[in-house]
Protein backbone atom coordinates (compact mmCIF):
# COMPACT_ATOMS: atom_id res chain seq x y z
CA MET A 1 89.84 132.94 100.37
CA ALA A 2 88.64 132.44 96.80
CA ALA A 3 85.48 134.04 95.40
CA ASP A 4 83.63 130.73 95.77
CA GLY A 5 84.41 130.62 99.49
CA THR A 6 87.07 127.89 99.27
CA THR A 7 90.59 128.01 100.64
CA THR A 8 93.95 126.24 100.26
CA ASP A 9 95.36 127.56 103.54
CA TYR A 10 96.33 124.29 105.23
CA TYR A 11 98.61 125.98 107.74
CA GLY A 12 96.02 128.44 109.00
CA GLN A 13 92.61 126.84 108.47
CA PHE A 14 92.96 123.04 108.57
CA ASP A 15 91.45 121.93 111.89
CA GLN A 16 93.13 118.59 112.59
CA ASP A 17 90.93 117.79 115.60
CA TRP A 18 87.70 118.37 113.65
CA TYR A 19 89.02 116.30 110.76
CA LEU A 20 89.88 113.33 112.98
CA ARG A 21 86.61 113.54 114.89
CA HIS A 22 84.29 113.82 111.89
CA TYR A 23 86.01 111.65 109.29
CA TYR A 24 87.87 109.07 111.39
CA GLY A 25 86.05 109.01 114.72
CA CYS A 26 84.37 105.71 113.86
CA ILE A 27 84.11 103.33 110.96
CA ALA A 28 80.62 104.59 110.09
CA GLY A 29 81.94 108.09 109.41
CA GLN A 30 79.88 111.24 109.57
CA THR A 31 77.54 110.00 106.82
CA VAL A 32 76.68 106.65 105.28
CA ASP A 33 78.70 107.59 102.21
CA GLN A 34 81.82 108.34 104.21
CA GLY A 35 81.49 105.11 106.13
CA ASN A 36 81.18 103.10 102.94
CA LEU A 37 84.18 104.86 101.44
CA LEU A 38 86.33 104.28 104.49
CA ARG A 39 85.46 100.58 104.48
CA PHE A 40 86.23 100.43 100.76
CA ASN A 41 89.64 102.02 101.35
CA LEU A 42 90.58 99.80 104.29
CA GLU A 43 89.40 96.60 102.63
CA ARG A 44 91.26 97.33 99.38
CA TYR A 45 94.45 98.19 101.27
CA ASN A 46 94.14 94.94 103.20
CA SER A 47 93.60 92.95 100.00
CA ILE A 48 96.53 94.58 98.18
CA PHE A 49 99.03 94.06 100.98
CA GLN A 50 97.78 90.61 101.96
CA SER A 51 98.22 89.43 98.35
CA GLY A 52 101.97 89.14 98.96
CA GLU A 53 102.74 91.04 95.76
CA VAL A 54 103.64 94.29 97.51
CA LYS A 55 107.04 93.85 99.09
CA GLY A 56 109.82 96.19 100.13
CA ARG A 57 111.81 97.50 103.04
CA GLN A 58 110.91 101.19 103.15
CA LEU A 59 107.46 102.74 102.83
CA LEU A 60 106.57 106.43 102.51
CA ASP A 61 103.02 107.56 103.27
CA ILE A 62 102.40 110.87 101.52
CA GLY A 63 99.97 113.32 103.08
CA THR A 64 99.34 111.21 106.16
CA GLY A 65 97.30 113.97 107.81
CA PRO A 66 96.44 113.50 111.48
CA SER A 67 95.33 109.89 110.92
CA VAL A 68 97.41 106.71 110.69
CA HIS A 69 94.82 104.49 108.96
CA SER A 70 97.01 104.06 105.86
CA ILE A 71 99.65 102.11 107.76
CA ILE A 72 97.53 99.83 109.97
CA THR A 73 97.94 96.95 107.52
CA ALA A 74 100.83 98.27 105.42
CA SER A 75 103.23 98.50 108.37
CA ARG A 76 103.12 94.71 108.79
CA HIS A 77 104.71 94.22 105.37
CA VAL A 78 107.72 96.57 105.57
CA ASP A 79 110.64 97.27 107.88
CA ASP A 80 110.62 101.07 107.90
CA VAL A 81 107.71 103.52 107.68
CA TYR A 82 108.06 107.23 106.95
CA LEU A 83 105.02 109.45 107.55
CA SER A 84 104.71 112.88 105.94
CA ASP A 85 102.44 115.89 105.73
CA PHE A 86 102.45 119.47 104.49
CA ALA A 87 100.72 120.96 107.54
CA ALA A 88 102.75 121.38 110.73
CA GLN A 89 99.70 120.78 112.94
CA ASN A 90 99.15 117.37 111.36
CA ARG A 91 102.78 116.43 111.81
CA LYS A 92 102.51 117.40 115.47
CA VAL A 93 99.60 114.98 115.95
CA LEU A 94 101.64 112.21 114.33
CA ILE A 95 104.77 112.92 116.37
CA ASP A 96 102.76 113.10 119.61
CA TRP A 97 101.23 109.70 118.77
CA TRP A 98 104.57 108.17 117.74
CA LYS A 99 106.50 109.36 120.79
CA SER A 100 103.89 108.48 123.43
CA ASP A 101 101.53 105.75 124.59
CA LYS A 102 98.59 107.47 122.87
CA THR A 103 96.38 105.68 120.40
CA LEU A 104 94.52 107.21 117.43
CA ILE A 105 91.53 106.04 115.36
CA GLU A 106 90.79 103.16 117.73
CA LYS A 107 87.50 102.09 116.09
CA ILE A 108 89.10 102.00 112.67
CA THR A 109 92.02 99.96 113.97
CA GLU A 110 89.56 97.51 115.52
CA TYR A 111 87.82 97.17 112.17
CA VAL A 112 91.07 96.42 110.35
CA LEU A 113 92.09 93.84 112.95
CA LYS A 114 88.77 92.06 112.41
CA GLN A 115 89.31 92.14 108.65
CA GLU A 116 92.71 90.55 109.15
CA THR A 117 91.26 88.05 111.69
CA SER A 118 94.04 89.22 114.00
CA SER A 119 94.02 88.50 117.73
CA GLU A 120 95.98 91.67 118.47
CA THR A 121 94.52 94.48 120.54
CA VAL A 122 94.45 98.07 119.30
CA VAL A 123 97.28 98.97 121.67
CA GLU A 124 99.39 96.04 120.48
CA ARG A 125 98.94 96.87 116.79
CA GLN A 126 99.56 100.58 117.23
CA THR A 127 102.64 99.86 119.35
CA ALA A 128 103.94 97.68 116.51
CA MET A 129 103.13 100.45 114.00
CA LYS A 130 105.06 102.99 116.06
CA GLY A 131 108.01 100.59 116.16
CA LYS A 132 108.21 100.71 112.36
CA VAL A 133 108.05 104.51 112.08
CA ARG A 134 111.43 106.10 111.41
CA ALA A 135 110.44 109.73 110.84
CA VAL A 136 107.57 112.19 110.40
CA LEU A 137 108.62 114.39 107.51
CA PRO A 138 107.48 117.70 106.04
CA ILE A 139 106.49 117.30 102.40
CA ASP A 140 105.33 119.53 99.56
CA VAL A 141 104.25 117.54 96.51
CA THR A 142 104.20 120.72 94.38
CA MET A 143 107.99 120.88 94.63
CA SER A 144 110.32 118.95 92.31
CA ILE A 145 112.06 117.56 95.41
CA PRO A 146 109.01 117.01 97.63
CA LEU A 147 110.91 116.05 100.79
CA GLY A 148 113.51 118.78 100.40
CA SER A 149 116.56 117.99 102.50
CA GLY A 150 114.50 116.52 105.33
CA SER A 151 115.05 112.83 104.59
CA ASP A 152 118.15 110.67 104.35
CA VAL A 153 116.15 108.34 102.08
CA THR A 154 115.61 109.71 98.58
CA GLN A 155 113.66 106.82 97.05
CA PHE A 156 111.32 104.25 98.58
CA ASP A 157 110.17 100.73 97.77
CA ILE A 158 106.50 101.50 98.42
CA ILE A 159 104.49 104.73 98.49
CA THR A 160 100.97 105.04 99.84
CA SER A 161 98.83 108.17 99.71
CA SER A 162 95.27 108.87 100.79
CA LEU A 163 93.18 111.89 99.78
CA CYS A 164 96.23 114.06 99.22
CA LEU A 165 97.22 114.63 95.60
CA GLU A 166 93.87 116.03 94.44
CA ALA A 167 93.88 118.42 97.41
CA ALA A 168 97.32 119.77 96.42
CA ALA A 169 96.19 120.92 92.98
CA LEU A 170 93.59 123.21 91.44
CA THR A 171 94.24 122.28 87.80
CA ILE A 172 94.89 119.03 85.95
CA ASP A 173 98.28 120.33 84.84
CA GLN A 174 99.29 120.90 88.47
CA TYR A 175 98.02 117.42 89.36
CA ARG A 176 100.20 115.91 86.65
CA THR A 177 103.22 117.86 87.87
CA ASN A 178 102.55 116.76 91.46
CA ALA A 179 102.25 113.14 90.33
CA ALA A 180 105.60 113.36 88.53
CA ASN A 181 107.17 114.86 91.65
CA VAL A 182 105.81 112.01 93.77
CA ALA A 183 106.93 109.43 91.19
CA SER A 184 110.52 110.63 91.62
CA LEU A 185 110.40 109.34 95.22
CA LEU A 186 109.67 105.75 94.16
CA LYS A 187 112.24 103.21 93.04
CA VAL A 188 111.85 101.52 89.66
CA GLY A 189 109.79 98.40 90.30
CA GLY A 190 108.30 100.02 93.39
CA HIS A 191 104.63 99.93 94.32
CA PHE A 192 102.32 102.93 94.54
CA ILE A 193 98.97 102.53 96.32
CA LEU A 194 96.81 105.61 95.93
CA ASN A 195 93.28 106.33 97.04
CA GLY A 196 91.25 109.44 96.46
CA VAL A 197 88.02 110.96 95.22
CA LEU A 198 86.52 111.46 91.77
CA GLU A 199 84.89 114.62 90.44
CA GLN A 200 85.28 116.61 93.65
CA THR A 201 85.99 120.35 93.80
CA TRP A 202 85.89 120.94 97.57
CA TYR A 203 85.61 119.26 100.96
CA ARG A 204 84.84 120.61 104.41
CA VAL A 205 87.08 120.74 107.48
CA GLY A 206 85.49 122.66 110.34
CA GLU A 207 84.24 126.00 109.08
CA SER A 208 86.49 125.90 106.01
CA LYS A 209 85.90 124.53 102.53
CA PHE A 210 89.15 123.33 100.96
CA ALA A 211 89.44 123.44 97.18
CA CYS A 212 90.77 120.58 95.08
CA VAL A 213 91.02 119.69 91.40
CA TRP A 214 88.12 117.94 89.60
CA LEU A 215 89.39 114.58 88.32
CA SER A 216 87.87 111.76 86.31
CA ARG A 217 89.14 108.19 86.31
CA GLU A 218 90.62 108.82 82.88
CA ASP A 219 92.49 111.88 84.16
CA ILE A 220 94.11 109.86 86.94
CA GLU A 221 94.98 106.82 84.82
CA SER A 222 96.46 108.87 81.98
CA THR A 223 98.48 110.93 84.47
CA PHE A 224 100.16 107.94 86.06
CA VAL A 225 100.74 106.12 82.78
CA SER A 226 102.50 109.25 81.51
CA CYS A 227 104.61 109.23 84.70
CA GLY A 228 105.87 105.75 83.90
CA PHE A 229 103.50 103.50 85.85
CA ASP A 230 101.90 100.20 84.97
CA ILE A 231 98.46 100.26 86.59
CA LYS A 232 97.73 96.83 88.03
CA GLN A 233 94.43 97.61 89.73
CA PHE A 234 91.97 100.51 89.69
CA ASP A 235 88.86 99.91 91.77
CA VAL A 236 86.06 102.46 91.83
CA VAL A 237 82.94 103.11 93.86
CA LYS A 238 81.04 105.80 91.98
CA PHE A 239 78.09 107.71 93.38
CA LYS A 240 77.17 111.22 94.44
CA SER A 241 77.72 112.31 98.01
CA GLU A 242 74.39 112.50 99.79
CA ASP A 243 75.63 115.09 102.26
CA GLU A 244 76.69 118.21 100.37
CA ALA A 245 77.64 119.92 103.63
CA TYR A 246 80.85 117.88 103.61
CA SER A 247 81.93 117.57 99.97
CA ASP A 248 80.74 117.33 96.37
CA PHE A 249 82.54 114.13 95.33
CA HIS A 250 80.98 111.68 92.86
CA GLY A 251 83.11 108.62 93.51
CA TYR A 252 86.11 107.07 95.19
CA PHE A 253 89.00 104.94 93.96
CA VAL A 254 91.96 102.82 95.05
CA MET A 255 94.79 102.33 92.56
CA HIS A 256 97.76 99.96 92.71
CA ALA A 257 100.51 100.74 90.21
CA ILE A 258 104.13 99.73 89.63
CA LYS A 259 106.82 102.13 88.43
CA ILE A 260 108.43 100.82 85.26
């Protein structure tokens, strides 16, 4: 543990059950801020994928965690979905969901279905999502080959990632390296949909405070431009978290970029 009480021990201290319960148990979230941010994320994802501009056969979700919210809408627009996470306990949650009749994040799925004006039930949509999943992969975005030898697919048509890249770095230089590593997994002309937080240095999971790198909008945009991306959309909700027991973020963003 660092002197400031934060940790980066995702194997030993990341409580996947607490995370799911407090951040994805319902659309309102643990606080008003979190609820607003989750709606912002889901609505922007819906808008981006429903536009018809994001097309491809294979999608990789980086840092899926124990939640499948990133693929509720996205899975309808691709043939193959690959989920990934650094922490083994998160991958276990995903595999247990994928290989069973279980459902996750039911309230959030209901919200997305309403946004899409879909007549599907939660079970029907999540069954369809599972039918698109081809693998749950270990990933380490700090490595030059993030998927190691674990995937037969080396580049993807679409990459999505939610609240991952900032949590895998403690410095802006490391963030830029991680972004370049992730960029290597995307085909030229491929789409990258990223959402994350602005100006955050830590967030809470259970009794642990996980450290992350402080990032401004300019830091993120300049990083991905330098990695060879054309940023098509960068939407921001900027405000200070009202509940400092959970994080110290000052904003939230969703970015859509194309690798050139």
